[in-house]
Amino acid sequence: MIRCPFCGKETSSGLHNCAHCGGPLQAVGKGIPPKQAPRALTCPNCAGPVQPGDIICLACGTNLLTGQKVVTEKKATQKAEKDGGLRRVWVVLGVLLLVALLGGGGFLAVRLLQNPLETARRLAVQGNIPEALNKLQDYVQRRPADREARLLQGKLFWQGQQYAKAADAMVAAYKLDTKNPETGFMAVIAAGRVAGDDGLKKQAAILSEILAGTPGNEHAVRLLAMTMGALGDLAGQDALYQETRATEALSDVSLQTTFGVGRALQHGLPEAEEMLRKARAAAPESGDAAAALGFVLNQEGQADAAAEALSKAVELKTSVAGMAKMQLGMLYLQTGRFEKALTVFNGAKAELKDDPRLPFYTALSLELTGLATEALVEYERISTGSGQFAGPAALQMAGLYLKQNVPDKALTAVHRATELGVSSARLFTVQGQVQARQGTLAEAEQSYRRAIQTDANYPGAHLEMGLMLVGRNAVADGVRELQRYLELTADKADGTPRRNEVELLVNQLKQAQKAS
């Protein structure tokens, strides 16, 4: 080992150049170190100034002993270090981004990766229906054939009470799979929430779509027939019946019943009766068929047969029990079976709890069965309300008080009825009766005449006017009014007990006129 004369470090003596600084150690062909050559004061590469002991030019990086540049290696090393540093930076940034995504800082990126349907469902669960619908609308515009999206859209429109749009969305879902009519029926239900004829027309259109996809569908035919009836499209309903006759759907008793009612609404009562009797015979346990037959028989004036059919319908628990009981009670009232009417009306409270007719006709049944006190209590309660029967109830009170010979209360009830908007021939007749009881005959006559002016065919006004005129010895005028009463009640001879008395009185008065 020898010491380099240039850098002072130990190196092998067998080398031509120092392993550390590259300086020459021996002359070529000789094994002894050469004398140190005089040093240049400028760099041979860049001509920059150098100091006598320098090995590396500080300006260009040239090794003054070998003439080679060492800066290239340094820059390469620096570049490698720089590239490695950049890689480390990107790795760190990637890790940070992943942490952000998992932790919630990348919420936007996560949302972009989510399923739009799931996003809409999540928003809906959170109560944000409008935003959920916006998400679905964007998605449906891009993928209109996605049935699941259409169905979800319909359900969300329903939750948002946008029933027309819900029906449209569900119809779109149905059209994507016409073999499954359940979605179509969901659209029908949604359209049923749309008010007025618009909803009915939308229902009819959807049901027609369902029948086009599944001809003869009993449920669709029945609903379409009912919808057409509600719209008053009786011609369309009849056409539907003719189309359905060739299918097995018409074997459905409820469908036969629906068409029978539709035919009755077209004033084809005999045909309707025939159709409903067939339905009744095919399904004697069907309360609805019995009820429909009862309604038609009542329209035809067959009161006893109608009462029998309606009574059977109530017994069989028809789905229209409230309507059947109301009609049955009315028939009992019309035919003088007041106690039966009261029983039926009392039994209809569950089905007709919101029907304003029930309390009034129940009170009327109480009055006609002789339970005047109970009837007055019911009339008082009704007349203090604001329903459509408040005025008629007050008028019935006046008539009852008149029968009990309490003219003051009767007149008060008449005034209440007038304030409630009653202006009928019966009102003026009762008012005249009260005034006659109180001795104001001139006012009573004026009330009777006003009653006749209001309705010249009201028998009671002619009766009271005739009796008053006879009592005042205006016999000829009185007989004329009484004869008019007999003419108006000619078809009610059995149901008007006073008529026989009046007829006898008129005959006696005529004989007295002849004798005089």
Protein backbone atom coordinates (compact mmCIF):
# COMPACT_ATOMS: atom_id res chain seq x y z
CA MET A 1 0.00 0.00 0.00
CA ILE A 2 1.18 3.52 -0.78
CA ARG A 3 -0.11 6.97 0.01
CA CYS A 4 -1.46 8.96 -2.93
CA PRO A 5 0.54 12.16 -3.40
CA PHE A 6 -2.62 13.99 -4.53
CA CYS A 7 -5.32 13.08 -2.01
CA GLY A 8 -3.13 11.61 0.74
CA LYS A 9 -5.23 8.42 1.00
CA GLU A 10 -3.80 4.88 1.02
CA THR A 11 -4.18 2.88 -2.19
CA SER A 12 -2.63 -0.20 -3.83
CA SER A 13 0.83 0.31 -5.17
CA GLY A 14 0.11 -1.81 -8.27
CA LEU A 15 -2.47 0.67 -9.66
CA HIS A 16 -1.65 3.26 -12.28
CA ASN A 17 -4.20 5.68 -10.78
CA CYS A 18 -5.40 6.34 -7.24
CA ALA A 19 -8.59 4.44 -6.45
CA HIS A 20 -9.91 7.46 -4.55
CA CYS A 21 -9.03 10.55 -6.60
CA GLY A 22 -7.81 9.02 -9.89
CA GLY A 23 -4.42 10.70 -9.71
CA PRO A 24 -1.47 8.97 -11.51
CA LEU A 25 0.62 6.79 -9.24
CA GLN A 26 3.44 5.73 -11.64
CA ALA A 27 4.67 6.48 -15.06
CA VAL A 28 3.78 4.11 -17.87
CA GLY A 29 6.28 1.27 -18.01
CA LYS A 30 7.81 2.15 -14.62
CA GLY A 31 6.85 1.07 -11.11
CA ILE A 32 7.86 4.23 -9.34
CA PRO A 33 5.56 7.17 -8.71
CA PRO A 34 6.19 10.11 -11.07
CA LYS A 35 7.06 13.53 -9.98
CA GLN A 36 4.12 15.79 -9.48
CA ALA A 37 3.54 17.78 -12.69
CA PRO A 38 3.01 21.44 -12.51
CA ARG A 39 -0.70 22.24 -12.11
CA ALA A 40 -2.72 24.49 -14.50
CA LEU A 41 -4.54 27.41 -12.97
CA THR A 42 -7.57 27.07 -15.30
CA CYS A 43 -9.99 24.18 -15.96
CA PRO A 44 -9.16 22.39 -19.22
CA ASN A 45 -12.90 21.92 -19.87
CA CYS A 46 -14.58 25.26 -19.08
CA ALA A 47 -11.44 27.44 -18.68
CA GLY A 48 -12.72 28.49 -15.31
CA PRO A 49 -10.23 29.43 -12.55
CA VAL A 50 -9.04 26.65 -10.21
CA GLN A 51 -6.74 26.57 -7.21
CA PRO A 52 -3.41 24.71 -7.16
CA GLY A 53 -4.61 21.90 -4.84
CA ASP A 54 -8.09 21.44 -6.44
CA ILE A 55 -9.09 18.06 -7.78
CA ILE A 56 -12.62 18.96 -9.01
CA CYS A 57 -13.54 22.12 -10.95
CA LEU A 58 -16.22 23.88 -8.95
CA ALA A 59 -17.63 25.52 -12.10
CA CYS A 60 -18.26 22.50 -14.36
CA GLY A 61 -17.53 19.48 -12.15
CA THR A 62 -14.54 18.16 -14.22
CA ASN A 63 -11.93 15.94 -12.50
CA LEU A 64 -8.77 18.00 -13.05
CA LEU A 65 -6.59 14.89 -12.76
CA THR A 66 -8.49 12.65 -15.28
CA GLY A 67 -10.43 15.22 -17.35
CA GLN A 68 -13.81 13.39 -16.75
CA LYS A 69 -17.02 15.05 -15.52
CA VAL A 70 -18.48 13.70 -12.28
CA VAL A 71 -21.63 15.94 -12.18
CA THR A 72 -23.56 13.56 -14.49
CA GLU A 73 -23.47 10.81 -11.93
CA LYS A 74 -24.41 13.26 -9.22
CA LYS A 75 -27.35 14.57 -11.21
CA ALA A 76 -28.47 11.04 -12.01
CA THR A 77 -28.28 10.23 -8.34
CA GLN A 78 -30.25 13.36 -7.48
CA LYS A 79 -32.85 12.53 -10.18
CA ALA A 80 -33.23 9.01 -8.83
CA GLU A 81 -33.63 10.39 -5.34
CA LYS A 82 -36.17 12.92 -6.67
CA ASP A 83 -38.14 10.22 -8.54
CA GLY A 84 -38.12 8.03 -5.46
CA GLY A 85 -39.35 10.95 -3.40
CA LEU A 86 -42.20 11.57 -5.84
CA ARG A 87 -43.20 7.92 -5.70
CA ARG A 88 -43.23 8.07 -1.94
CA VAL A 89 -45.39 11.23 -2.11
CA TRP A 90 -47.92 9.52 -4.42
CA VAL A 91 -48.04 6.46 -2.20
CA VAL A 92 -48.73 8.66 0.82
CA LEU A 93 -51.41 10.61 -1.08
CA GLY A 94 -53.03 7.35 -2.19
CA VAL A 95 -53.15 6.09 1.38
CA LEU A 96 -54.63 9.38 2.56
CA LEU A 97 -57.29 9.29 -0.20
CA LEU A 98 -58.25 5.73 0.73
CA VAL A 99 -58.58 6.73 4.39
CA ALA A 100 -60.70 9.71 3.35
CA LEU A 101 -63.01 7.55 1.25
CA LEU A 102 -63.49 5.03 4.03
CA GLY A 103 -63.93 7.68 6.69
CA GLY A 104 -66.50 9.94 4.94
CA GLY A 105 -64.30 12.67 3.53
CA GLY A 106 -64.90 11.14 0.08
CA PHE A 107 -68.73 11.22 0.43
CA LEU A 108 -69.18 12.55 -3.08
CA ALA A 109 -67.06 9.78 -4.61
CA VAL A 110 -68.93 7.11 -2.63
CA ARG A 111 -72.27 8.49 -3.76
CA LEU A 112 -71.15 8.34 -7.36
CA LEU A 113 -70.35 4.66 -6.88
CA GLN A 114 -73.70 3.82 -5.24
CA ASN A 115 -76.78 2.24 -6.94
CA PRO A 116 -79.28 5.05 -7.77
CA LEU A 117 -82.20 2.85 -6.68
CA GLU A 118 -80.61 2.18 -3.31
CA THR A 119 -79.83 5.88 -2.95
CA ALA A 120 -83.50 6.72 -3.66
CA ARG A 121 -84.68 4.13 -1.18
CA ARG A 122 -82.34 5.45 1.49
CA LEU A 123 -83.51 9.03 0.91
CA ALA A 124 -87.14 7.91 1.08
CA VAL A 125 -86.55 6.11 4.38
CA GLN A 126 -85.02 9.33 5.69
CA GLY A 127 -88.22 11.16 4.66
CA ASN A 128 -86.64 13.07 1.78
CA ILE A 129 -89.18 12.04 -0.86
CA PRO A 130 -88.55 14.99 -3.26
CA GLU A 131 -84.79 14.30 -3.47
CA ALA A 132 -85.45 10.57 -3.89
CA LEU A 133 -87.82 11.31 -6.77
CA ASN A 134 -85.24 13.61 -8.37
CA LYS A 135 -82.65 10.84 -8.27
CA LEU A 136 -85.11 8.38 -9.78
CA GLN A 137 -86.23 10.84 -12.48
CA ASP A 138 -82.64 11.26 -13.68
CA TYR A 139 -82.11 7.52 -13.63
CA VAL A 140 -85.39 6.70 -15.42
CA GLN A 141 -84.59 9.17 -18.18
CA ARG A 142 -81.35 7.28 -18.80
CA ARG A 143 -82.91 3.84 -18.39
CA PRO A 144 -86.65 4.02 -19.18
CA ALA A 145 -86.93 0.23 -19.46
CA ASP A 146 -85.95 -0.41 -15.83
CA ARG A 147 -89.20 -1.82 -14.41
CA GLU A 148 -87.97 -1.84 -10.82
CA ALA A 149 -87.13 1.86 -11.05
CA ARG A 150 -90.57 2.68 -12.51
CA LEU A 151 -92.30 0.74 -9.76
CA LEU A 152 -90.26 2.43 -7.04
CA GLN A 153 -91.02 5.79 -8.64
CA GLY A 154 -94.74 5.02 -8.50
CA LYS A 155 -94.54 4.05 -4.83
CA LEU A 156 -92.65 7.25 -3.95
CA PHE A 157 -95.16 9.38 -5.88
CA TRP A 158 -97.87 7.65 -3.82
CA GLN A 159 -96.05 8.50 -0.58
CA GLY A 160 -95.82 12.09 -1.78
CA GLN A 161 -99.60 12.05 -2.49
CA GLN A 162 -99.00 12.70 -6.19
CA TYR A 163 -101.50 10.04 -7.18
CA ALA A 164 -101.85 10.89 -10.89
CA LYS A 165 -98.06 10.62 -11.36
CA ALA A 166 -98.02 7.46 -9.26
CA ALA A 167 -100.59 5.90 -11.59
CA ASP A 168 -98.58 6.91 -14.67
CA ALA A 169 -95.36 5.45 -13.26
CA MET A 170 -97.06 2.18 -12.33
CA VAL A 171 -98.68 1.94 -15.76
CA ALA A 172 -95.21 2.35 -17.29
CA ALA A 173 -93.98 -0.47 -15.04
CA TYR A 174 -96.95 -2.63 -16.06
CA LYS A 175 -96.28 -2.09 -19.77
CA LEU A 176 -92.77 -3.47 -19.23
CA ASP A 177 -94.33 -6.76 -18.04
CA THR A 178 -97.94 -7.11 -19.22
CA LYS A 179 -98.05 -10.74 -18.10
CA ASN A 180 -98.17 -9.51 -14.51
CA PRO A 181 -101.39 -7.46 -14.08
CA GLU A 182 -100.81 -6.79 -10.37
CA THR A 183 -98.82 -3.65 -11.17
CA GLY A 184 -101.66 -2.50 -13.39
CA PHE A 185 -104.15 -2.91 -10.56
CA MET A 186 -101.83 -0.88 -8.32
CA ALA A 187 -102.09 1.87 -10.94
CA VAL A 188 -105.89 1.58 -10.84
CA ILE A 189 -105.85 2.07 -7.07
CA ALA A 190 -103.59 5.12 -7.42
CA ALA A 191 -105.87 6.61 -10.08
CA GLY A 192 -108.80 6.08 -7.73
CA ARG A 193 -107.24 8.71 -5.45
CA VAL A 194 -107.52 11.33 -8.19
CA ALA A 195 -110.62 13.44 -7.57
CA GLY A 196 -113.57 13.71 -9.93
CA ASP A 197 -114.10 12.24 -13.37
CA ASP A 198 -110.39 12.60 -14.17
CA GLY A 199 -109.59 9.78 -11.77
CA LEU A 200 -112.42 7.60 -13.09
CA LYS A 201 -111.34 8.16 -16.70
CA LYS A 202 -107.75 7.29 -15.82
CA GLN A 203 -108.97 4.12 -14.09
CA ALA A 204 -111.02 3.15 -17.13
CA ALA A 205 -108.01 3.67 -19.44
CA ILE A 206 -105.73 1.54 -17.22
CA LEU A 207 -108.30 -1.24 -16.93
CA SER A 208 -108.67 -1.26 -20.71
CA GLU A 209 -104.87 -1.68 -20.93
CA ILE A 210 -105.04 -4.63 -18.54
CA LEU A 211 -107.83 -6.27 -20.53
CA ALA A 212 -105.79 -5.80 -23.72
CA GLY A 213 -102.92 -7.70 -22.07
CA THR A 214 -105.04 -10.32 -20.29
CA PRO A 215 -108.41 -10.64 -22.10
CA GLY A 216 -111.29 -11.85 -19.97
CA ASN A 217 -109.64 -10.98 -16.64
CA GLU A 218 -112.67 -11.14 -14.30
CA HIS A 219 -111.32 -8.62 -11.84
CA ALA A 220 -110.51 -6.10 -14.57
CA VAL A 221 -113.88 -6.57 -16.30
CA ARG A 222 -115.80 -6.10 -13.05
CA LEU A 223 -113.86 -2.97 -12.09
CA LEU A 224 -114.18 -1.51 -15.59
CA ALA A 225 -117.93 -2.14 -15.59
CA MET A 226 -118.28 -0.39 -12.23
CA THR A 227 -116.09 2.51 -13.38
CA MET A 228 -118.14 2.97 -16.52
CA GLY A 229 -121.27 2.98 -14.41
CA ALA A 230 -119.81 5.67 -12.15
CA LEU A 231 -118.94 7.72 -15.24
CA GLY A 232 -122.44 7.26 -16.61
CA ASP A 233 -120.98 5.53 -19.67
CA LEU A 234 -123.81 3.03 -19.83
CA ALA A 235 -123.33 2.44 -23.56
CA GLY A 236 -119.69 1.53 -22.93
CA GLN A 237 -120.75 -0.75 -20.11
CA ASP A 238 -123.25 -2.49 -22.37
CA ALA A 239 -120.56 -2.91 -25.06
CA LEU A 240 -118.26 -4.42 -22.45
CA TYR A 241 -121.04 -6.83 -21.47
CA GLN A 242 -121.48 -7.93 -25.09
CA GLU A 243 -117.70 -8.49 -25.43
CA THR A 244 -117.58 -10.46 -22.19
CA ARG A 245 -120.53 -12.74 -22.92
CA ALA A 246 -118.32 -15.06 -24.98
CA THR A 247 -115.75 -15.44 -22.20
CA GLU A 248 -115.80 -17.41 -18.98
CA ALA A 249 -115.67 -14.16 -17.01
CA LEU A 250 -119.45 -13.73 -17.25
CA SER A 251 -119.90 -16.84 -15.13
CA ASP A 252 -118.75 -14.72 -12.19
CA VAL A 253 -121.88 -13.87 -10.17
CA SER A 254 -120.57 -10.52 -8.97
CA LEU A 255 -119.88 -9.55 -12.58
CA GLN A 256 -123.40 -10.56 -13.60
CA THR A 257 -124.68 -8.44 -10.73
CA THR A 258 -122.64 -5.44 -11.85
CA PHE A 259 -123.95 -5.69 -15.40
CA GLY A 260 -127.48 -6.11 -14.09
CA VAL A 261 -127.23 -2.90 -12.09
CA GLY A 262 -125.77 -1.17 -15.13
CA ARG A 263 -128.69 -2.28 -17.26
CA ALA A 264 -131.07 -0.98 -14.59
CA LEU A 265 -129.35 2.39 -14.70
CA GLN A 266 -130.05 2.43 -18.43
CA HIS A 267 -133.73 2.12 -17.50
CA GLY A 268 -133.79 -1.42 -18.85
CA LEU A 269 -135.51 -2.65 -15.70
CA PRO A 270 -137.10 -5.83 -17.12
CA GLU A 271 -133.78 -6.97 -18.63
CA ALA A 272 -131.96 -6.05 -15.43
CA GLU A 273 -134.46 -8.02 -13.37
CA GLU A 274 -133.98 -11.07 -15.62
CA MET A 275 -130.17 -10.85 -15.37
CA LEU A 276 -130.25 -10.46 -11.60
CA ARG A 277 -132.73 -13.29 -11.10
CA LYS A 278 -130.32 -15.56 -13.04
CA ALA A 279 -127.43 -14.40 -10.87
CA ARG A 280 -129.56 -14.99 -7.79
CA ALA A 281 -130.46 -18.50 -8.94
CA ALA A 282 -126.82 -19.29 -9.77
CA ALA A 283 -125.63 -18.13 -6.34
CA PRO A 284 -128.48 -18.14 -3.80
CA GLU A 285 -125.94 -17.40 -1.06
CA SER A 286 -124.87 -14.13 -2.71
CA GLY A 287 -126.12 -11.21 -0.67
CA ASP A 288 -125.03 -8.72 -3.33
CA ALA A 289 -127.16 -10.37 -6.03
CA ALA A 290 -130.16 -10.33 -3.69
CA ALA A 291 -129.58 -6.67 -2.82
CA ALA A 292 -129.27 -5.63 -6.47
CA LEU A 293 -132.46 -7.52 -7.30
CA GLY A 294 -134.22 -5.77 -4.41
CA PHE A 295 -133.17 -2.34 -5.68
CA VAL A 296 -134.44 -3.13 -9.18
CA LEU A 297 -137.75 -4.53 -7.91
CA ASN A 298 -138.26 -1.40 -5.84
CA GLN A 299 -137.71 0.76 -8.93
CA GLU A 300 -140.32 -1.32 -10.71
CA GLY A 301 -142.81 -0.65 -7.92
CA GLN A 302 -142.84 -4.22 -6.61
CA ALA A 303 -142.63 -3.16 -2.97
CA ASP A 304 -143.33 -6.53 -1.32
CA ALA A 305 -140.97 -8.49 -3.58
CA ALA A 306 -138.31 -5.80 -3.12
CA ALA A 307 -138.65 -5.94 0.67
CA GLU A 308 -138.30 -9.73 0.59
CA ALA A 309 -135.13 -9.58 -1.57
CA LEU A 310 -133.56 -6.83 0.54
CA SER A 311 -134.38 -8.64 3.76
CA LYS A 312 -132.62 -11.73 2.39
CA ALA A 313 -129.64 -9.60 1.33
CA VAL A 314 -129.29 -8.23 4.86
CA GLU A 315 -129.49 -11.76 6.25
CA LEU A 316 -126.72 -12.91 3.88
CA LYS A 317 -124.50 -9.97 4.94
CA THR A 318 -124.28 -8.19 1.60
CA SER A 319 -121.35 -5.84 1.01
CA VAL A 320 -123.89 -3.03 0.54
CA ALA A 321 -125.67 -3.75 3.83
CA GLY A 322 -126.05 -0.04 4.67
CA MET A 323 -127.80 0.76 1.39
CA ALA A 324 -129.94 -2.38 1.65
CA LYS A 325 -131.06 -1.57 5.18
CA MET A 326 -131.87 2.02 4.30
CA GLN A 327 -133.97 0.97 1.31
CA LEU A 328 -135.68 -1.77 3.31
CA GLY A 329 -136.55 0.63 6.14
CA MET A 330 -137.97 3.12 3.64
CA LEU A 331 -140.12 0.37 2.10
CA TYR A 332 -141.46 -0.55 5.52
CA LEU A 333 -142.32 3.10 6.18
CA GLN A 334 -144.10 3.44 2.84
CA THR A 335 -146.17 0.32 3.45
CA GLY A 336 -147.11 1.21 7.03
CA ARG A 337 -144.86 -1.36 8.76
CA PHE A 338 -143.46 1.23 11.13
CA GLU A 339 -142.18 -1.10 13.86
CA LYS A 340 -140.21 -3.13 11.31
CA ALA A 341 -138.83 0.07 9.89
CA LEU A 342 -137.67 1.15 13.36
CA THR A 343 -135.98 -2.23 13.91
CA VAL A 344 -134.15 -2.03 10.58
CA PHE A 345 -133.01 1.57 11.14
CA ASN A 346 -131.76 0.77 14.65
CA GLY A 347 -129.78 -2.13 13.19
CA ALA A 348 -128.18 0.04 10.51
CA LYS A 349 -126.22 2.31 12.85
CA ALA A 350 -122.94 0.45 12.32
CA GLU A 351 -123.08 0.71 8.53
CA LEU A 352 -124.74 4.15 8.31
CA LYS A 353 -123.12 6.01 11.21
CA ASP A 354 -122.20 8.93 8.93
CA ASP A 355 -125.40 8.91 6.86
CA PRO A 356 -127.53 11.96 7.80
CA ARG A 357 -130.71 10.19 6.69
CA LEU A 358 -130.55 7.51 9.38
CA PRO A 359 -131.21 9.72 12.47
CA PHE A 360 -134.10 11.49 10.71
CA TYR A 361 -135.86 8.34 9.53
CA THR A 362 -135.25 6.68 12.88
CA ALA A 363 -137.01 9.63 14.56
CA LEU A 364 -139.82 9.42 12.00
CA SER A 365 -140.23 5.72 12.78
CA LEU A 366 -140.41 6.56 16.50
CA GLU A 367 -143.12 9.14 15.78
CA LEU A 368 -145.17 6.78 13.61
CA THR A 369 -144.97 3.96 16.18
CA GLY A 370 -146.46 6.34 18.79
CA LEU A 371 -143.22 7.10 20.67
CA ALA A 372 -143.73 10.87 20.40
CA THR A 373 -141.52 11.84 23.36
CA GLU A 374 -138.55 9.86 22.02
CA ALA A 375 -139.18 11.24 18.55
CA LEU A 376 -139.16 14.84 19.85
CA VAL A 377 -135.81 14.25 21.53
CA GLU A 378 -134.32 13.02 18.25
CA TYR A 379 -135.90 15.84 16.21
CA GLU A 380 -134.56 18.43 18.66
CA ARG A 381 -131.05 17.04 18.39
CA ILE A 382 -131.18 17.00 14.58
CA SER A 383 -132.73 20.47 14.26
CA THR A 384 -130.02 22.10 16.37
CA GLY A 385 -127.38 20.87 13.93
CA SER A 386 -126.49 22.17 10.50
CA GLY A 387 -127.20 19.11 8.37
CA GLN A 388 -129.64 18.85 5.50
CA PHE A 389 -132.31 17.33 7.74
CA ALA A 390 -132.24 20.08 10.39
CA GLY A 391 -135.10 21.99 8.76
CA PRO A 392 -137.32 18.93 8.10
CA ALA A 393 -136.73 17.79 11.70
CA ALA A 394 -137.91 21.19 12.99
CA LEU A 395 -141.03 20.91 10.82
CA GLN A 396 -141.75 17.42 12.18
CA MET A 397 -141.44 18.86 15.70
CA ALA A 398 -144.03 21.49 14.81
CA GLY A 399 -146.45 18.83 13.63
CA LEU A 400 -145.93 16.76 16.80
CA TYR A 401 -146.46 19.76 19.09
CA LEU A 402 -149.60 20.56 17.13
CA LYS A 403 -150.92 17.04 17.75
CA GLN A 404 -150.13 17.48 21.45
CA ASN A 405 -152.04 20.78 21.37
CA VAL A 406 -149.03 22.90 22.29
CA PRO A 407 -149.40 25.65 19.63
CA ASP A 408 -146.75 27.97 21.08
CA LYS A 409 -144.00 25.36 20.80
CA ALA A 410 -145.36 24.35 17.42
CA LEU A 411 -145.07 27.95 16.15
CA THR A 412 -141.51 28.21 17.53
CA ALA A 413 -140.60 25.05 15.65
CA VAL A 414 -142.19 26.47 12.47
CA HIS A 415 -140.05 29.61 12.79
CA ARG A 416 -136.92 27.49 13.28
CA ALA A 417 -137.74 25.47 10.18
CA THR A 418 -138.22 28.70 8.21
CA GLU A 419 -134.86 30.02 9.41
CA LEU A 420 -133.27 26.74 8.30
CA GLY A 421 -134.50 27.31 4.77
CA VAL A 422 -137.71 25.24 4.65
CA SER A 423 -140.30 26.82 2.34
CA SER A 424 -142.77 24.11 1.40
CA ALA A 425 -146.52 23.70 1.10
CA ARG A 426 -146.46 21.52 4.21
CA LEU A 427 -144.67 24.21 6.22
CA PHE A 428 -147.27 26.84 5.34
CA THR A 429 -150.06 24.35 6.03
CA VAL A 430 -148.72 23.57 9.53
CA GLN A 431 -148.24 27.28 10.13
CA GLY A 432 -151.88 27.88 9.16
CA GLN A 433 -153.03 25.12 11.53
CA VAL A 434 -151.09 26.70 14.41
CA GLN A 435 -152.55 30.15 13.62
CA ALA A 436 -156.06 28.67 13.47
CA ARG A 437 -155.53 27.09 16.93
CA GLN A 438 -154.44 30.47 18.21
CA GLY A 439 -157.60 32.08 16.77
CA THR A 440 -155.96 34.20 14.06
CA LEU A 441 -158.14 32.87 11.24
CA ALA A 442 -157.26 35.58 8.71
CA GLU A 443 -153.56 34.73 9.06
CA ALA A 444 -154.37 31.03 8.88
CA GLU A 445 -156.29 31.49 5.62
CA GLN A 446 -153.36 33.47 4.21
CA SER A 447 -150.97 30.65 5.14
CA TYR A 448 -153.22 28.04 3.49
CA ARG A 449 -153.46 30.05 0.31
CA ARG A 450 -149.70 30.47 0.27
CA ALA A 451 -149.33 26.70 0.65
CA ILE A 452 -151.61 26.13 -2.37
CA GLN A 453 -149.63 28.68 -4.38
CA THR A 454 -146.40 26.85 -3.48
CA ASP A 455 -147.79 23.43 -4.48
CA ALA A 456 -151.31 23.20 -5.84
CA ASN A 457 -151.15 19.40 -5.59
CA TYR A 458 -150.45 19.23 -1.86
CA PRO A 459 -153.60 17.56 -0.41
CA GLY A 460 -153.19 18.82 3.16
CA ALA A 461 -153.49 22.49 2.18
CA HIS A 462 -156.81 21.90 0.38
CA LEU A 463 -158.11 19.85 3.32
CA GLU A 464 -157.34 22.47 5.98
CA MET A 465 -158.55 25.31 3.75
CA GLY A 466 -161.84 23.51 3.02
CA LEU A 467 -162.50 22.70 6.68
CA MET A 468 -161.82 26.30 7.72
CA LEU A 469 -164.14 27.70 5.01
CA VAL A 470 -166.90 25.30 5.99
CA GLY A 471 -166.45 26.38 9.61
CA ARG A 472 -166.90 29.98 8.51
CA ASN A 473 -170.11 29.03 6.61
CA ALA A 474 -168.45 29.50 3.19
CA VAL A 475 -169.81 26.05 2.34
CA ALA A 476 -169.59 26.19 -1.46
CA ASP A 477 -165.92 27.27 -1.39
CA GLY A 478 -165.20 24.78 1.37
CA VAL A 479 -166.77 21.87 -0.51
CA ARG A 480 -164.74 22.76 -3.60
CA GLU A 481 -161.49 22.59 -1.59
CA LEU A 482 -162.52 19.32 0.05
CA GLN A 483 -163.37 17.76 -3.31
CA ARG A 484 -159.93 18.78 -4.57
CA TYR A 485 -158.45 16.98 -1.55
CA LEU A 486 -160.41 13.81 -2.41
CA GLU A 487 -159.18 13.96 -6.01
CA LEU A 488 -155.53 14.24 -4.92
CA THR A 489 -155.84 11.30 -2.52
CA ALA A 490 -157.85 9.00 -4.77
CA ASP A 491 -154.91 6.57 -5.14
CA LYS A 492 -154.27 6.57 -1.37
CA ALA A 493 -157.72 5.60 -0.16
CA ASP A 494 -156.41 2.73 1.98
CA GLY A 495 -153.57 4.70 3.51
CA THR A 496 -155.50 7.89 4.37
CA PRO A 497 -157.98 7.26 7.23
CA ARG A 498 -159.31 10.84 7.19
CA ARG A 499 -160.30 10.50 3.56
CA ASN A 500 -163.41 8.44 4.40
CA GLU A 501 -164.47 11.04 6.95
CA VAL A 502 -163.97 13.86 4.46
CA GLU A 503 -165.89 11.99 1.77
CA LEU A 504 -168.80 11.49 4.15
CA LEU A 505 -168.69 15.17 5.16
CA VAL A 506 -168.73 16.34 1.53
CA ASN A 507 -171.79 14.18 0.78
CA GLN A 508 -173.61 15.56 3.80
CA LEU A 509 -172.78 19.15 2.85
CA LYS A 510 -173.99 18.61 -0.71
CA GLN A 511 -177.29 17.17 0.54
CA ALA A 512 -177.71 20.11 2.92
CA GLN A 513 -177.12 22.51 0.00
CA LYS A 514 -179.79 20.75 -2.05
CA ALA A 515 -182.24 20.77 0.84
CA SER A 516 -181.75 24.46 1.41
